[in-house]
Amino acid sequence: MVRLVTQAEFKGTDVVHQEDQRIDYGPVPVGGKTLVLPIKTVVETEVVPNGDSQAAGKYSTRHTFFTAEYKNYQPAS
């Protein structure tokens, strides 16, 4: 594994209150070797759409929860 890139794309007007990422690693057989590689990613966010977090009183939030599982690793050719 050379690199793992996770990139969130929020709107320019959104205010991100929270972004949590967790990457689980584990032993994976690849090309006759056992390597420790990412096996699962979990991302949770809380965003205020349209940047209205400074509004007096109430404002809306959007919560997202993403998971990704990695498998079928192969040696680079």
N, C-alpha and C. Protein backbone atom coordinates (compact mmCIF):
# COMPACT_ATOMS: atom_id res chain seq x y z
N MET A 1 0.87 -1.17 0.00
CA MET A 1 0.00 0.00 0.00
C MET A 1 0.91 1.22 0.00
N VAL A 2 0.72 2.07 -0.96
CA VAL A 2 1.53 3.28 -1.07
C VAL A 2 0.82 4.46 -0.44
N ARG A 3 -0.49 4.60 -0.73
CA ARG A 3 -1.20 5.78 -0.25
C ARG A 3 -2.69 5.51 -0.18
N LEU A 4 -3.34 6.07 0.83
CA LEU A 4 -4.79 6.03 0.94
C LEU A 4 -5.25 7.47 1.09
N VAL A 5 -6.04 7.95 0.14
CA VAL A 5 -6.49 9.34 0.15
C VAL A 5 -8.00 9.36 0.33
N THR A 6 -8.47 10.10 1.32
CA THR A 6 -9.90 10.32 1.52
C THR A 6 -10.14 11.81 1.40
N GLN A 7 -11.04 12.20 0.50
CA GLN A 7 -11.27 13.62 0.27
C GLN A 7 -12.76 13.90 0.33
N ALA A 8 -13.16 14.76 1.24
CA ALA A 8 -14.56 15.16 1.35
C ALA A 8 -14.79 16.37 0.47
N GLU A 9 -15.93 16.40 -0.19
CA GLU A 9 -16.27 17.53 -1.05
C GLU A 9 -17.55 18.18 -0.53
N PHE A 10 -17.38 19.23 0.23
CA PHE A 10 -18.51 19.98 0.76
C PHE A 10 -18.75 21.21 -0.12
N LYS A 11 -19.97 21.72 -0.07
CA LYS A 11 -20.27 22.96 -0.78
C LYS A 11 -19.51 24.10 -0.10
N GLY A 12 -19.15 25.12 -0.89
CA GLY A 12 -18.43 26.26 -0.33
C GLY A 12 -19.20 27.02 0.73
N THR A 13 -20.52 26.88 0.73
CA THR A 13 -21.34 27.59 1.72
C THR A 13 -21.61 26.77 2.96
N ASP A 14 -21.24 25.49 2.96
CA ASP A 14 -21.48 24.63 4.12
C ASP A 14 -20.46 24.90 5.22
N VAL A 15 -20.91 24.82 6.46
CA VAL A 15 -20.02 24.93 7.62
C VAL A 15 -19.91 23.54 8.24
N VAL A 16 -18.70 23.01 8.30
CA VAL A 16 -18.48 21.67 8.85
C VAL A 16 -18.29 21.80 10.35
N HIS A 17 -19.22 21.22 11.11
CA HIS A 17 -19.10 21.23 12.57
C HIS A 17 -18.24 20.08 13.06
N GLN A 18 -18.31 18.95 12.36
CA GLN A 18 -17.59 17.77 12.84
C GLN A 18 -17.32 16.84 11.65
N GLU A 19 -16.12 16.27 11.62
CA GLU A 19 -15.80 15.21 10.67
C GLU A 19 -14.90 14.22 11.38
N ASP A 20 -15.38 13.01 11.55
CA ASP A 20 -14.61 11.95 12.21
C ASP A 20 -14.33 10.85 11.20
N GLN A 21 -13.09 10.37 11.19
CA GLN A 21 -12.71 9.28 10.31
C GLN A 21 -12.06 8.17 11.14
N ARG A 22 -12.38 6.96 10.79
CA ARG A 22 -11.75 5.80 11.42
C ARG A 22 -11.33 4.85 10.31
N ILE A 23 -10.09 4.40 10.35
CA ILE A 23 -9.60 3.43 9.39
C ILE A 23 -9.13 2.21 10.17
N ASP A 24 -9.75 1.07 9.88
CA ASP A 24 -9.36 -0.19 10.53
C ASP A 24 -8.36 -0.91 9.65
N TYR A 25 -7.28 -1.38 10.25
CA TYR A 25 -6.24 -2.12 9.55
C TYR A 25 -6.25 -3.56 10.04
N GLY A 26 -5.80 -4.47 9.18
CA GLY A 26 -5.73 -5.86 9.58
C GLY A 26 -4.80 -6.63 8.65
N PRO A 27 -4.44 -7.86 9.05
CA PRO A 27 -3.56 -8.68 8.20
C PRO A 27 -4.32 -9.17 6.97
N VAL A 28 -3.68 -8.99 5.79
CA VAL A 28 -4.29 -9.38 4.51
C VAL A 28 -3.25 -10.14 3.70
N PRO A 29 -3.62 -11.33 3.18
CA PRO A 29 -2.67 -12.04 2.32
C PRO A 29 -2.62 -11.40 0.92
N VAL A 30 -1.41 -11.04 0.47
CA VAL A 30 -1.22 -10.45 -0.85
C VAL A 30 0.04 -11.05 -1.46
N GLY A 31 -0.11 -11.75 -2.58
CA GLY A 31 1.04 -12.29 -3.29
C GLY A 31 1.92 -13.19 -2.45
N GLY A 32 1.34 -14.03 -1.62
CA GLY A 32 2.12 -14.96 -0.81
C GLY A 32 2.67 -14.35 0.47
N LYS A 33 2.40 -13.08 0.73
CA LYS A 33 2.84 -12.42 1.97
C LYS A 33 1.62 -11.96 2.74
N THR A 34 1.79 -11.76 4.03
CA THR A 34 0.73 -11.18 4.84
C THR A 34 1.13 -9.76 5.18
N LEU A 35 0.30 -8.80 4.77
CA LEU A 35 0.58 -7.39 5.01
C LEU A 35 -0.53 -6.79 5.87
N VAL A 36 -0.21 -5.77 6.63
CA VAL A 36 -1.22 -5.05 7.40
C VAL A 36 -1.69 -3.89 6.53
N LEU A 37 -2.98 -3.94 6.15
CA LEU A 37 -3.54 -2.98 5.20
C LEU A 37 -4.90 -2.49 5.68
N PRO A 38 -5.38 -1.37 5.15
CA PRO A 38 -6.73 -0.92 5.50
C PRO A 38 -7.77 -1.95 5.06
N ILE A 39 -8.72 -2.24 5.94
CA ILE A 39 -9.79 -3.16 5.58
C ILE A 39 -11.17 -2.49 5.64
N LYS A 40 -11.28 -1.38 6.38
CA LYS A 40 -12.57 -0.69 6.47
C LYS A 40 -12.34 0.76 6.88
N THR A 41 -13.12 1.65 6.29
CA THR A 41 -13.10 3.07 6.64
C THR A 41 -14.50 3.50 7.02
N VAL A 42 -14.60 4.28 8.09
CA VAL A 42 -15.88 4.84 8.53
C VAL A 42 -15.69 6.35 8.65
N VAL A 43 -16.61 7.11 8.02
CA VAL A 43 -16.55 8.58 8.08
C VAL A 43 -17.91 9.08 8.52
N GLU A 44 -17.91 9.97 9.51
CA GLU A 44 -19.15 10.58 10.00
C GLU A 44 -18.97 12.10 9.99
N THR A 45 -19.96 12.81 9.47
CA THR A 45 -19.87 14.27 9.42
C THR A 45 -21.14 14.92 9.95
N GLU A 46 -20.97 16.15 10.42
CA GLU A 46 -22.10 17.02 10.75
C GLU A 46 -21.85 18.35 10.06
N VAL A 47 -22.75 18.72 9.18
CA VAL A 47 -22.59 19.92 8.36
C VAL A 47 -23.81 20.81 8.52
N VAL A 48 -23.57 22.12 8.55
CA VAL A 48 -24.66 23.10 8.52
C VAL A 48 -24.77 23.60 7.09
N PRO A 49 -25.82 23.20 6.37
CA PRO A 49 -25.96 23.63 4.98
C PRO A 49 -26.11 25.15 4.88
N ASN A 50 -25.53 25.71 3.85
CA ASN A 50 -25.64 27.14 3.55
C ASN A 50 -25.05 28.05 4.61
N GLY A 51 -24.24 27.53 5.49
CA GLY A 51 -23.49 28.35 6.44
C GLY A 51 -24.30 29.14 7.42
N ASP A 52 -25.50 28.67 7.78
CA ASP A 52 -26.34 29.46 8.68
C ASP A 52 -26.16 29.08 10.15
N SER A 53 -24.97 28.62 10.55
CA SER A 53 -24.75 28.22 11.94
C SER A 53 -24.69 29.42 12.89
N GLN A 54 -24.54 30.62 12.34
CA GLN A 54 -24.51 31.82 13.18
C GLN A 54 -25.90 32.41 13.38
N ALA A 55 -26.91 31.77 12.79
CA ALA A 55 -28.28 32.27 12.91
C ALA A 55 -28.75 32.18 14.36
N ALA A 56 -29.50 33.18 14.78
CA ALA A 56 -30.03 33.19 16.13
C ALA A 56 -31.09 32.09 16.26
N GLY A 57 -31.03 31.37 17.33
CA GLY A 57 -32.03 30.33 17.57
C GLY A 57 -31.69 29.03 16.89
N LYS A 58 -32.51 28.63 15.93
CA LYS A 58 -32.37 27.32 15.30
C LYS A 58 -31.62 27.40 13.98
N TYR A 59 -30.97 26.31 13.64
CA TYR A 59 -30.40 26.12 12.31
C TYR A 59 -30.40 24.62 12.04
N SER A 60 -30.44 24.26 10.80
CA SER A 60 -30.51 22.84 10.45
C SER A 60 -29.11 22.26 10.32
N THR A 61 -29.00 20.95 10.57
CA THR A 61 -27.74 20.24 10.37
C THR A 61 -28.00 19.02 9.50
N ARG A 62 -26.97 18.61 8.79
CA ARG A 62 -27.04 17.41 7.96
C ARG A 62 -25.97 16.45 8.47
N HIS A 63 -26.37 15.22 8.78
CA HIS A 63 -25.45 14.19 9.26
C HIS A 63 -25.27 13.15 8.16
N THR A 64 -24.03 12.73 7.95
CA THR A 64 -23.75 11.67 6.98
C THR A 64 -22.90 10.60 7.65
N PHE A 65 -23.06 9.38 7.18
CA PHE A 65 -22.32 8.25 7.70
C PHE A 65 -21.94 7.38 6.50
N PHE A 66 -20.66 7.27 6.23
CA PHE A 66 -20.17 6.50 5.09
C PHE A 66 -19.28 5.36 5.58
N THR A 67 -19.37 4.23 4.92
CA THR A 67 -18.43 3.13 5.19
C THR A 67 -17.88 2.63 3.86
N ALA A 68 -16.66 2.17 3.88
CA ALA A 68 -16.03 1.56 2.71
C ALA A 68 -15.22 0.37 3.20
N GLU A 69 -15.35 -0.75 2.49
CA GLU A 69 -14.58 -1.95 2.82
C GLU A 69 -13.63 -2.24 1.67
N TYR A 70 -12.41 -2.63 2.01
CA TYR A 70 -11.37 -2.91 1.02
C TYR A 70 -11.09 -4.40 0.99
N LYS A 71 -11.00 -4.95 -0.22
CA LYS A 71 -10.73 -6.39 -0.36
C LYS A 71 -10.12 -6.65 -1.73
N ASN A 72 -9.73 -7.89 -1.94
CA ASN A 72 -9.14 -8.33 -3.22
C ASN A 72 -7.85 -7.54 -3.55
N TYR A 73 -7.04 -7.30 -2.54
CA TYR A 73 -5.74 -6.65 -2.80
C TYR A 73 -4.90 -7.54 -3.72
N GLN A 74 -4.15 -6.91 -4.61
CA GLN A 74 -3.26 -7.63 -5.51
C GLN A 74 -1.92 -6.90 -5.54
N PRO A 75 -0.83 -7.65 -5.75
CA PRO A 75 0.48 -7.00 -5.85
C PRO A 75 0.53 -6.08 -7.07
N ALA A 76 1.27 -4.97 -6.95
CA ALA A 76 1.45 -4.05 -8.08
C ALA A 76 2.24 -4.74 -9.17
N SER A 77 1.87 -4.47 -10.41
CA SER A 77 2.59 -5.14 -11.51
C SER A 77 3.66 -4.26 -12.10
